[in-house]
All heavy atoms as atom14 arrays in JSON, in Angstrom:
{
  "sequence": "FEGRTVIAFTLPKAGAATMTLYDVTGKVLRVIEGEYAKGYNQVDLMRT",
  "atom14_mask": [
    [1, 1, 1, 1, 1, 1, 1, 1, 1, 1, 1, 0, 0, 0],
    [1, 1, 1, 1, 1, 1, 1, 1, 1, 0, 0, 0, 0, 0],
    [1, 1, 1, 1, 0, 0, 0, 0, 0, 0, 0, 0, 0, 0],
    [1, 1, 1, 1, 1, 1, 1, 1, 1, 1, 1, 0, 0, 0],
    [1, 1, 1, 1, 1, 1, 1, 0, 0, 0, 0, 0, 0, 0],
    [1, 1, 1, 1, 1, 1, 1, 0, 0, 0, 0, 0, 0, 0],
    [1, 1, 1, 1, 1, 1, 1, 1, 0, 0, 0, 0, 0, 0],
    [1, 1, 1, 1, 1, 0, 0, 0, 0, 0, 0, 0, 0, 0],
    [1, 1, 1, 1, 1, 1, 1, 1, 1, 1, 1, 0, 0, 0],
    [1, 1, 1, 1, 1, 1, 1, 0, 0, 0, 0, 0, 0, 0],
    [1, 1, 1, 1, 1, 1, 1, 1, 0, 0, 0, 0, 0, 0],
    [1, 1, 1, 1, 1, 1, 1, 0, 0, 0, 0, 0, 0, 0],
    [1, 1, 1, 1, 1, 1, 1, 1, 1, 0, 0, 0, 0, 0],
    [1, 1, 1, 1, 1, 0, 0, 0, 0, 0, 0, 0, 0, 0],
    [1, 1, 1, 1, 0, 0, 0, 0, 0, 0, 0, 0, 0, 0],
    [1, 1, 1, 1, 1, 0, 0, 0, 0, 0, 0, 0, 0, 0],
    [1, 1, 1, 1, 1, 0, 0, 0, 0, 0, 0, 0, 0, 0],
    [1, 1, 1, 1, 1, 1, 1, 0, 0, 0, 0, 0, 0, 0],
    [1, 1, 1, 1, 1, 1, 1, 1, 0, 0, 0, 0, 0, 0],
    [1, 1, 1, 1, 1, 1, 1, 0, 0, 0, 0, 0, 0, 0],
    [1, 1, 1, 1, 1, 1, 1, 1, 0, 0, 0, 0, 0, 0],
    [1, 1, 1, 1, 1, 1, 1, 1, 1, 1, 1, 1, 0, 0],
    [1, 1, 1, 1, 1, 1, 1, 1, 0, 0, 0, 0, 0, 0],
    [1, 1, 1, 1, 1, 1, 1, 0, 0, 0, 0, 0, 0, 0],
    [1, 1, 1, 1, 1, 1, 1, 0, 0, 0, 0, 0, 0, 0],
    [1, 1, 1, 1, 0, 0, 0, 0, 0, 0, 0, 0, 0, 0],
    [1, 1, 1, 1, 1, 1, 1, 1, 1, 0, 0, 0, 0, 0],
    [1, 1, 1, 1, 1, 1, 1, 0, 0, 0, 0, 0, 0, 0],
    [1, 1, 1, 1, 1, 1, 1, 1, 0, 0, 0, 0, 0, 0],
    [1, 1, 1, 1, 1, 1, 1, 1, 1, 1, 1, 0, 0, 0],
    [1, 1, 1, 1, 1, 1, 1, 0, 0, 0, 0, 0, 0, 0],
    [1, 1, 1, 1, 1, 1, 1, 1, 0, 0, 0, 0, 0, 0],
    [1, 1, 1, 1, 1, 1, 1, 1, 1, 0, 0, 0, 0, 0],
    [1, 1, 1, 1, 0, 0, 0, 0, 0, 0, 0, 0, 0, 0],
    [1, 1, 1, 1, 1, 1, 1, 1, 1, 0, 0, 0, 0, 0],
    [1, 1, 1, 1, 1, 1, 1, 1, 1, 1, 1, 1, 0, 0],
    [1, 1, 1, 1, 1, 0, 0, 0, 0, 0, 0, 0, 0, 0],
    [1, 1, 1, 1, 1, 1, 1, 1, 1, 0, 0, 0, 0, 0],
    [1, 1, 1, 1, 0, 0, 0, 0, 0, 0, 0, 0, 0, 0],
    [1, 1, 1, 1, 1, 1, 1, 1, 1, 1, 1, 1, 0, 0],
    [1, 1, 1, 1, 1, 1, 1, 1, 0, 0, 0, 0, 0, 0],
    [1, 1, 1, 1, 1, 1, 1, 1, 1, 0, 0, 0, 0, 0],
    [1, 1, 1, 1, 1, 1, 1, 0, 0, 0, 0, 0, 0, 0],
    [1, 1, 1, 1, 1, 1, 1, 1, 0, 0, 0, 0, 0, 0],
    [1, 1, 1, 1, 1, 1, 1, 1, 0, 0, 0, 0, 0, 0],
    [1, 1, 1, 1, 1, 1, 1, 1, 0, 0, 0, 0, 0, 0],
    [1, 1, 1, 1, 1, 1, 1, 1, 1, 1, 1, 0, 0, 0],
    [1, 1, 1, 1, 1, 1, 1, 0, 0, 0, 0, 0, 0, 0]
  ],
  "atom14_positions": [
    [[0.83, -1.21, 0.0], [0.0, 0.0, 0.0], [0.86, 1.25, 0.0], [2.02, 1.22, 0.38], [-0.98, 0.0, 1.19], [-0.37, 0.38, 2.51], [-0.49, 1.67, 2.99], [0.31, -0.55, 3.28], [0.05, 2.03, 4.22], [0.85, -0.21, 4.51], [0.73, 1.09, 4.98], [0.0, 0.0, 0.0], [0.0, 0.0, 0.0], [0.0, 0.0, 0.0]],
    [[0.24, 2.36, -0.44], [0.92, 3.65, -0.46], [0.35, 4.6, 0.6], [1.08, 5.12, 1.4], [0.77, 4.32, -1.82], [1.71, 3.8, -2.86], [1.6, 4.6, -4.14], [2.07, 5.75, -4.16], [1.03, 4.05, -5.1], [0.0, 0.0, 0.0], [0.0, 0.0, 0.0], [0.0, 0.0, 0.0], [0.0, 0.0, 0.0], [0.0, 0.0, 0.0]],
    [[-0.96, 4.82, 0.56], [-1.56, 5.84, 1.41], [-2.26, 5.31, 2.64], [-2.13, 5.86, 3.73], [0.0, 0.0, 0.0], [0.0, 0.0, 0.0], [0.0, 0.0, 0.0], [0.0, 0.0, 0.0], [0.0, 0.0, 0.0], [0.0, 0.0, 0.0], [0.0, 0.0, 0.0], [0.0, 0.0, 0.0], [0.0, 0.0, 0.0], [0.0, 0.0, 0.0]],
    [[-3.04, 4.23, 2.47], [-3.88, 3.72, 3.57], [-4.07, 2.22, 3.4], [-4.19, 1.73, 2.28], [-5.24, 4.41, 3.51], [-6.23, 3.92, 4.52], [-7.55, 4.71, 4.35], [-8.6, 4.14, 5.16], [-9.45, 3.19, 4.76], [-9.37, 2.7, 3.54], [-10.38, 2.73, 5.56], [0.0, 0.0, 0.0], [0.0, 0.0, 0.0], [0.0, 0.0, 0.0]],
    [[-4.11, 1.52, 4.52], [-4.42, 0.09, 4.51], [-5.32, -0.22, 5.7], [-5.4, 0.56, 6.65], [-3.13, -0.76, 4.55], [-3.44, -2.12, 4.26], [-2.41, -0.68, 5.88], [0.0, 0.0, 0.0], [0.0, 0.0, 0.0], [0.0, 0.0, 0.0], [0.0, 0.0, 0.0], [0.0, 0.0, 0.0], [0.0, 0.0, 0.0], [0.0, 0.0, 0.0]],
    [[-6.0, -1.35, 5.63], [-6.9, -1.78, 6.71], [-6.42, -3.14, 7.2], [-6.21, -4.06, 6.41], [-8.36, -1.88, 6.21], [-9.26, -2.44, 7.31], [-8.86, -0.52, 5.75], [0.0, 0.0, 0.0], [0.0, 0.0, 0.0], [0.0, 0.0, 0.0], [0.0, 0.0, 0.0], [0.0, 0.0, 0.0], [0.0, 0.0, 0.0], [0.0, 0.0, 0.0]],
    [[-6.26, -3.24, 8.51], [-5.89, -4.5, 9.14], [-7.11, -4.98, 9.94], [-7.55, -4.31, 10.87], [-4.68, -4.35, 10.07], [-3.48, -3.78, 9.3], [-4.33, -5.68, 10.73], [-2.31, -3.38, 10.17], [0.0, 0.0, 0.0], [0.0, 0.0, 0.0], [0.0, 0.0, 0.0], [0.0, 0.0, 0.0], [0.0, 0.0, 0.0], [0.0, 0.0, 0.0]],
    [[-7.66, -6.11, 9.54], [-8.86, -6.64, 10.2], [-8.49, -7.82, 11.08], [-7.51, -8.53, 10.84], [-9.87, -7.07, 9.14], [0.0, 0.0, 0.0], [0.0, 0.0, 0.0], [0.0, 0.0, 0.0], [0.0, 0.0, 0.0], [0.0, 0.0, 0.0], [0.0, 0.0, 0.0], [0.0, 0.0, 0.0], [0.0, 0.0, 0.0], [0.0, 0.0, 0.0]],
    [[-9.3, -8.04, 12.11], [-9.11, -9.19, 12.99], [-10.43, -9.53, 13.67], [-11.32, -8.69, 13.77], [-8.01, -8.93, 14.03], [-8.22, -7.7, 14.88], [-8.83, -7.8, 16.11], [-7.81, -6.46, 14.43], [-9.04, -6.67, 16.91], [-8.0, -5.32, 15.2], [-8.61, -5.43, 16.45], [0.0, 0.0, 0.0], [0.0, 0.0, 0.0], [0.0, 0.0, 0.0]],
    [[-10.54, -10.76, 14.12], [-11.74, -11.23, 14.8], [-11.36, -11.66, 16.21], [-10.39, -12.38, 16.4], [-12.36, -12.43, 14.05], [-12.66, -12.01, 12.72], [-13.63, -12.9, 14.72], [0.0, 0.0, 0.0], [0.0, 0.0, 0.0], [0.0, 0.0, 0.0], [0.0, 0.0, 0.0], [0.0, 0.0, 0.0], [0.0, 0.0, 0.0], [0.0, 0.0, 0.0]],
    [[-12.14, -11.2, 17.19], [-11.9, -11.59, 18.58], [-13.02, -12.51, 19.06], [-14.19, -12.26, 18.77], [-11.86, -10.35, 19.48], [-10.72, -9.36, 19.23], [-10.84, -8.18, 20.2], [-9.37, -10.03, 19.38], [0.0, 0.0, 0.0], [0.0, 0.0, 0.0], [0.0, 0.0, 0.0], [0.0, 0.0, 0.0], [0.0, 0.0, 0.0], [0.0, 0.0, 0.0]],
    [[-12.68, -13.55, 19.82], [-13.7, -14.46, 20.33], [-14.56, -13.82, 21.42], [-15.69, -14.24, 21.65], [-12.89, -15.63, 20.89], [-11.54, -15.07, 21.17], [-11.32, -13.98, 20.17], [0.0, 0.0, 0.0], [0.0, 0.0, 0.0], [0.0, 0.0, 0.0], [0.0, 0.0, 0.0], [0.0, 0.0, 0.0], [0.0, 0.0, 0.0], [0.0, 0.0, 0.0]],
    [[-14.02, -12.8, 22.1], [-14.79, -12.05, 23.1], [-14.26, -10.63, 23.15], [-13.13, -10.37, 22.75], [-14.71, -12.72, 24.47], [-13.33, -12.79, 25.06], [-13.35, -13.47, 26.42], [-11.94, -13.47, 27.01], [-11.91, -14.05, 28.33], [0.0, 0.0, 0.0], [0.0, 0.0, 0.0], [0.0, 0.0, 0.0], [0.0, 0.0, 0.0], [0.0, 0.0, 0.0]],
    [[-15.07, -9.72, 23.62], [-14.67, -8.32, 23.71], [-13.51, -8.18, 24.68], [-13.41, -8.91, 25.67], [-15.85, -7.47, 24.17], [0.0, 0.0, 0.0], [0.0, 0.0, 0.0], [0.0, 0.0, 0.0], [0.0, 0.0, 0.0], [0.0, 0.0, 0.0], [0.0, 0.0, 0.0], [0.0, 0.0, 0.0], [0.0, 0.0, 0.0], [0.0, 0.0, 0.0]],
    [[-12.61, -7.25, 24.39], [-11.5, -7.03, 25.29], [-10.39, -6.22, 24.66], [-10.51, -5.71, 23.55], [0.0, 0.0, 0.0], [0.0, 0.0, 0.0], [0.0, 0.0, 0.0], [0.0, 0.0, 0.0], [0.0, 0.0, 0.0], [0.0, 0.0, 0.0], [0.0, 0.0, 0.0], [0.0, 0.0, 0.0], [0.0, 0.0, 0.0], [0.0, 0.0, 0.0]],
    [[-9.3, -6.12, 25.4], [-8.15, -5.34, 24.97], [-7.35, -6.1, 23.92], [-7.24, -7.32, 23.97], [-7.27, -5.02, 26.16], [0.0, 0.0, 0.0], [0.0, 0.0, 0.0], [0.0, 0.0, 0.0], [0.0, 0.0, 0.0], [0.0, 0.0, 0.0], [0.0, 0.0, 0.0], [0.0, 0.0, 0.0], [0.0, 0.0, 0.0], [0.0, 0.0, 0.0]],
    [[-6.8, -5.34, 22.98], [-5.9, -5.9, 21.98], [-4.83, -4.86, 21.69], [-5.07, -3.66, 21.77], [-6.65, -6.27, 20.71], [0.0, 0.0, 0.0], [0.0, 0.0, 0.0], [0.0, 0.0, 0.0], [0.0, 0.0, 0.0], [0.0, 0.0, 0.0], [0.0, 0.0, 0.0], [0.0, 0.0, 0.0], [0.0, 0.0, 0.0], [0.0, 0.0, 0.0]],
    [[-3.64, -5.36, 21.36], [-2.52, -4.49, 21.04], [-1.94, -4.9, 19.69], [-1.67, -6.08, 19.47], [-1.42, -4.59, 22.11], [-1.97, -4.25, 23.38], [-0.25, -3.67, 21.8], [0.0, 0.0, 0.0], [0.0, 0.0, 0.0], [0.0, 0.0, 0.0], [0.0, 0.0, 0.0], [0.0, 0.0, 0.0], [0.0, 0.0, 0.0], [0.0, 0.0, 0.0]],
    [[-1.77, -3.94, 18.82], [-1.12, -4.18, 17.54], [0.2, -3.42, 17.54], [0.22, -2.22, 17.77], [-1.99, -3.73, 16.38], [-1.41, -4.11, 15.05], [-2.55, -3.86, 13.7], [-3.92, -4.88, 14.21], [0.0, 0.0, 0.0], [0.0, 0.0, 0.0], [0.0, 0.0, 0.0], [0.0, 0.0, 0.0], [0.0, 0.0, 0.0], [0.0, 0.0, 0.0]],
    [[1.29, -4.15, 17.31], [2.62, -3.56, 17.3], [3.21, -3.7, 15.91], [3.19, -4.78, 15.34], [3.52, -4.25, 18.34], [2.87, -4.25, 19.61], [4.85, -3.53, 18.47], [0.0, 0.0, 0.0], [0.0, 0.0, 0.0], [0.0, 0.0, 0.0], [0.0, 0.0, 0.0], [0.0, 0.0, 0.0], [0.0, 0.0, 0.0], [0.0, 0.0, 0.0]],
    [[3.74, -2.61, 15.37], [4.37, -2.62, 14.05], [5.87, -2.52, 14.23], [6.36, -1.69, 15.01], [3.87, -1.44, 13.21], [2.45, -1.57, 12.68], [1.43, -1.31, 13.74], [2.25, -0.66, 11.51], [0.0, 0.0, 0.0], [0.0, 0.0, 0.0], [0.0, 0.0, 0.0], [0.0, 0.0, 0.0], [0.0, 0.0, 0.0], [0.0, 0.0, 0.0]],
    [[6.61, -3.39, 13.51], [8.06, -3.47, 13.6], [8.68, -3.33, 12.22], [8.08, -3.77, 11.24], [8.5, -4.85, 14.1], [7.93, -5.3, 15.4], [6.75, -6.03, 15.45], [8.61, -5.05, 16.58], [6.24, -6.47, 16.66], [8.1, -5.5, 17.79], [6.92, -6.2, 17.82], [6.41, -6.65, 19.0], [0.0, 0.0, 0.0], [0.0, 0.0, 0.0]],
    [[9.91, -2.83, 12.16], [10.63, -2.89, 10.9], [11.41, -4.2, 10.85], [11.32, -5.02, 11.79], [11.53, -1.66, 10.68], [12.7, -1.55, 11.66], [13.0, -2.53, 12.39], [13.33, -0.49, 11.67], [0.0, 0.0, 0.0], [0.0, 0.0, 0.0], [0.0, 0.0, 0.0], [0.0, 0.0, 0.0], [0.0, 0.0, 0.0], [0.0, 0.0, 0.0]],
    [[12.18, -4.43, 9.79], [12.87, -5.71, 9.63], [13.96, -5.93, 10.66], [14.38, -7.07, 10.89], [13.45, -5.87, 8.21], [12.34, -5.97, 7.18], [14.39, -4.74, 7.86], [0.0, 0.0, 0.0], [0.0, 0.0, 0.0], [0.0, 0.0, 0.0], [0.0, 0.0, 0.0], [0.0, 0.0, 0.0], [0.0, 0.0, 0.0], [0.0, 0.0, 0.0]],
    [[14.42, -4.87, 11.33], [15.44, -5.02, 12.37], [14.84, -5.28, 13.74], [15.55, -5.51, 14.71], [16.33, -3.75, 12.46], [15.54, -2.66, 12.94], [16.96, -3.42, 11.12], [0.0, 0.0, 0.0], [0.0, 0.0, 0.0], [0.0, 0.0, 0.0], [0.0, 0.0, 0.0], [0.0, 0.0, 0.0], [0.0, 0.0, 0.0], [0.0, 0.0, 0.0]],
    [[13.49, -5.23, 13.83], [12.82, -5.44, 15.11], [12.5, -4.17, 15.86], [11.93, -4.21, 16.95], [0.0, 0.0, 0.0], [0.0, 0.0, 0.0], [0.0, 0.0, 0.0], [0.0, 0.0, 0.0], [0.0, 0.0, 0.0], [0.0, 0.0, 0.0], [0.0, 0.0, 0.0], [0.0, 0.0, 0.0], [0.0, 0.0, 0.0], [0.0, 0.0, 0.0]],
    [[12.85, -3.02, 15.29], [12.56, -1.74, 15.93], [11.05, -1.49, 15.91], [10.4, -1.63, 14.87], [13.27, -0.62, 15.17], [12.97, 0.76, 15.71], [13.64, 1.83, 14.86], [13.18, 3.2, 15.29], [13.62, 4.23, 14.34], [0.0, 0.0, 0.0], [0.0, 0.0, 0.0], [0.0, 0.0, 0.0], [0.0, 0.0, 0.0], [0.0, 0.0, 0.0]],
    [[10.5, -1.13, 17.05], [9.07, -0.84, 17.15], [8.78, 0.51, 16.48], [9.38, 1.52, 16.84], [8.6, -0.82, 18.62], [7.15, -0.39, 18.72], [8.79, -2.19, 19.25], [0.0, 0.0, 0.0], [0.0, 0.0, 0.0], [0.0, 0.0, 0.0], [0.0, 0.0, 0.0], [0.0, 0.0, 0.0], [0.0, 0.0, 0.0], [0.0, 0.0, 0.0]],
    [[7.87, 0.49, 15.52], [7.51, 1.7, 14.78], [6.27, 2.36, 15.34], [6.15, 3.58, 15.32], [7.27, 1.36, 13.31], [8.44, 0.72, 12.57], [8.01, 0.26, 11.19], [9.61, 1.69, 12.49], [0.0, 0.0, 0.0], [0.0, 0.0, 0.0], [0.0, 0.0, 0.0], [0.0, 0.0, 0.0], [0.0, 0.0, 0.0], [0.0, 0.0, 0.0]],
    [[5.34, 1.56, 15.81], [4.07, 2.09, 16.33], [3.38, 1.01, 17.15], [3.43, -0.16, 16.81], [3.17, 2.53, 15.19], [1.89, 3.2, 15.63], [1.23, 3.92, 14.46], [-0.01, 4.53, 14.85], [-0.12, 5.75, 15.36], [0.95, 6.47, 15.54], [-1.3, 6.25, 15.68], [0.0, 0.0, 0.0], [0.0, 0.0, 0.0], [0.0, 0.0, 0.0]],
    [[2.7, 1.43, 18.2], [1.88, 0.54, 19.02], [0.47, 1.12, 19.06], [0.29, 2.29, 19.38], [2.45, 0.4, 20.46], [1.54, -0.46, 21.31], [3.87, -0.15, 20.42], [0.0, 0.0, 0.0], [0.0, 0.0, 0.0], [0.0, 0.0, 0.0], [0.0, 0.0, 0.0], [0.0, 0.0, 0.0], [0.0, 0.0, 0.0], [0.0, 0.0, 0.0]],
    [[-0.5, 0.28, 18.72], [-1.9, 0.68, 18.73], [-2.62, -0.19, 19.74], [-2.67, -1.42, 19.59], [-2.53, 0.51, 17.33], [-1.76, 1.33, 16.3], [-4.01, 0.88, 17.36], [-2.09, 0.98, 14.87], [0.0, 0.0, 0.0], [0.0, 0.0, 0.0], [0.0, 0.0, 0.0], [0.0, 0.0, 0.0], [0.0, 0.0, 0.0], [0.0, 0.0, 0.0]],
    [[-3.16, 0.43, 20.79], [-3.86, -0.32, 21.83], [-5.31, 0.13, 21.86], [-5.61, 1.29, 21.58], [-3.22, -0.05, 23.2], [-1.79, -0.53, 23.3], [-1.16, -0.18, 24.63], [-1.29, 0.98, 25.07], [-0.55, -1.08, 25.23], [0.0, 0.0, 0.0], [0.0, 0.0, 0.0], [0.0, 0.0, 0.0], [0.0, 0.0, 0.0], [0.0, 0.0, 0.0]],
    [[-6.2, -0.8, 22.19], [-7.59, -0.43, 22.27], [-8.44, -1.52, 22.85], [-8.0, -2.65, 23.04], [0.0, 0.0, 0.0], [0.0, 0.0, 0.0], [0.0, 0.0, 0.0], [0.0, 0.0, 0.0], [0.0, 0.0, 0.0], [0.0, 0.0, 0.0], [0.0, 0.0, 0.0], [0.0, 0.0, 0.0], [0.0, 0.0, 0.0], [0.0, 0.0, 0.0]],
    [[-9.68, -1.16, 23.12], [-10.71, -2.1, 23.56], [-11.57, -2.39, 22.34], [-12.08, -1.45, 21.71], [-11.55, -1.51, 24.68], [-10.82, -1.34, 26.0], [-10.54, -2.67, 26.68], [-11.37, -3.6, 26.57], [-9.48, -2.78, 27.32], [0.0, 0.0, 0.0], [0.0, 0.0, 0.0], [0.0, 0.0, 0.0], [0.0, 0.0, 0.0], [0.0, 0.0, 0.0]],
    [[-11.72, -3.65, 22.02], [-12.43, -4.03, 20.8], [-13.6, -4.95, 21.12], [-13.59, -5.66, 22.12], [-11.47, -4.7, 19.82], [-10.38, -3.76, 19.36], [-9.15, -3.73, 19.99], [-10.6, -2.88, 18.31], [-8.15, -2.85, 19.58], [-9.61, -2.0, 17.89], [-8.39, -2.0, 18.53], [-7.42, -1.12, 18.13], [0.0, 0.0, 0.0], [0.0, 0.0, 0.0]],
    [[-14.59, -4.93, 20.24], [-15.8, -5.73, 20.41], [-15.56, -7.18, 20.05], [-14.62, -7.51, 19.31], [-16.91, -5.16, 19.53], [0.0, 0.0, 0.0], [0.0, 0.0, 0.0], [0.0, 0.0, 0.0], [0.0, 0.0, 0.0], [0.0, 0.0, 0.0], [0.0, 0.0, 0.0], [0.0, 0.0, 0.0], [0.0, 0.0, 0.0], [0.0, 0.0, 0.0]],
    [[-16.42, -8.04, 20.52], [-16.42, -9.44, 20.11], [-16.72, -9.49, 18.61], [-17.56, -8.75, 18.11], [-17.48, -10.23, 20.88], [-17.6, -11.67, 20.44], [-18.7, -12.36, 21.21], [-18.88, -13.79, 20.69], [-19.92, -14.5, 21.42], [0.0, 0.0, 0.0], [0.0, 0.0, 0.0], [0.0, 0.0, 0.0], [0.0, 0.0, 0.0], [0.0, 0.0, 0.0]],
    [[-16.01, -10.36, 17.89], [-16.26, -10.49, 16.46], [-15.29, -9.67, 15.63], [-14.14, -9.45, 16.02], [0.0, 0.0, 0.0], [0.0, 0.0, 0.0], [0.0, 0.0, 0.0], [0.0, 0.0, 0.0], [0.0, 0.0, 0.0], [0.0, 0.0, 0.0], [0.0, 0.0, 0.0], [0.0, 0.0, 0.0], [0.0, 0.0, 0.0], [0.0, 0.0, 0.0]],
    [[-15.76, -9.21, 14.48], [-14.92, -8.54, 13.49], [-14.57, -7.11, 13.92], [-15.44, -6.35, 14.35], [-15.66, -8.49, 12.15], [-14.88, -7.85, 11.04], [-13.98, -8.59, 10.3], [-15.04, -6.5, 10.75], [-13.25, -7.99, 9.26], [-14.33, -5.9, 9.72], [-13.43, -6.65, 8.99], [-12.72, -6.06, 7.98], [0.0, 0.0, 0.0], [0.0, 0.0, 0.0]],
    [[-13.29, -6.77, 13.8], [-12.79, -5.43, 14.08], [-11.78, -5.07, 13.01], [-11.24, -5.95, 12.34], [-12.09, -5.39, 15.45], [-13.03, -5.64, 16.59], [-13.68, -4.74, 17.06], [-13.11, -6.88, 17.04], [0.0, 0.0, 0.0], [0.0, 0.0, 0.0], [0.0, 0.0, 0.0], [0.0, 0.0, 0.0], [0.0, 0.0, 0.0], [0.0, 0.0, 0.0]],
    [[-11.5, -3.79, 12.88], [-10.46, -3.38, 11.94], [-9.76, -2.12, 12.41], [-10.34, -1.32, 13.14], [-11.01, -3.2, 10.54], [-11.96, -2.04, 10.36], [-12.49, -1.95, 8.93], [-12.74, -2.97, 8.31], [-12.66, -0.74, 8.44], [0.0, 0.0, 0.0], [0.0, 0.0, 0.0], [0.0, 0.0, 0.0], [0.0, 0.0, 0.0], [0.0, 0.0, 0.0]],
    [[-8.52, -1.99, 11.99], [-7.71, -0.81, 12.28], [-7.32, -0.2, 10.95], [-6.78, -0.89, 10.08], [-6.44, -1.2, 13.08], [-5.52, -0.01, 13.22], [-6.8, -1.76, 14.44], [0.0, 0.0, 0.0], [0.0, 0.0, 0.0], [0.0, 0.0, 0.0], [0.0, 0.0, 0.0], [0.0, 0.0, 0.0], [0.0, 0.0, 0.0], [0.0, 0.0, 0.0]],
    [[-7.62, 1.08, 10.77], [-7.19, 1.81, 9.57], [-5.82, 2.4, 9.85], [-5.63, 3.07, 10.87], [-8.17, 2.95, 9.25], [-9.51, 2.43, 8.77], [-9.62, 1.23, 8.46], [-10.46, 3.23, 8.71], [0.0, 0.0, 0.0], [0.0, 0.0, 0.0], [0.0, 0.0, 0.0], [0.0, 0.0, 0.0], [0.0, 0.0, 0.0], [0.0, 0.0, 0.0]],
    [[-4.89, 2.15, 8.96], [-3.53, 2.61, 9.15], [-3.15, 3.49, 7.97], [-3.22, 3.07, 6.81], [-2.58, 1.4, 9.24], [-1.15, 1.69, 9.58], [-1.04, 2.25, 10.99], [-0.32, 0.43, 9.45], [0.0, 0.0, 0.0], [0.0, 0.0, 0.0], [0.0, 0.0, 0.0], [0.0, 0.0, 0.0], [0.0, 0.0, 0.0], [0.0, 0.0, 0.0]],
    [[-2.76, 4.72, 8.27], [-2.32, 5.65, 7.24], [-0.8, 5.56, 7.09], [-0.1, 5.27, 8.05], [-2.71, 7.09, 7.62], [-4.19, 7.31, 7.83], [-5.18, 6.94, 6.37], [-4.61, 8.24, 5.27], [0.0, 0.0, 0.0], [0.0, 0.0, 0.0], [0.0, 0.0, 0.0], [0.0, 0.0, 0.0], [0.0, 0.0, 0.0], [0.0, 0.0, 0.0]],
    [[-0.34, 5.82, 5.89], [1.1, 5.79, 5.62], [1.84, 6.74, 6.54], [2.93, 6.47, 7.0], [1.33, 6.16, 4.13], [2.77, 6.47, 3.76], [3.6, 5.2, 3.83], [4.97, 5.43, 3.43], [5.94, 5.78, 4.27], [5.68, 5.98, 5.54], [7.17, 5.95, 3.83], [0.0, 0.0, 0.0], [0.0, 0.0, 0.0], [0.0, 0.0, 0.0]],
    [[1.22, 7.87, 6.84], [1.84, 8.87, 7.72], [1.94, 8.4, 9.17], [2.67, 8.98, 9.96], [1.07, 10.2, 7.66], [-0.3, 9.94, 7.96], [1.18, 10.84, 6.29], [0.0, 0.0, 0.0], [0.0, 0.0, 0.0], [0.0, 0.0, 0.0], [0.0, 0.0, 0.0], [0.0, 0.0, 0.0], [0.0, 0.0, 0.0], [0.0, 0.0, 0.0]]
  ]
}
């Protein structure tokens, strides 16, 4: 992707989830934490 991408996931029950983005060296680029609903969820990620 260039400008925007969507990362979807399904949770068996509502609760906290953390998405961590790393580069190829293992350096943490961004951490996204949140409370998500049971079932389908998605995170919109902008290139910026």
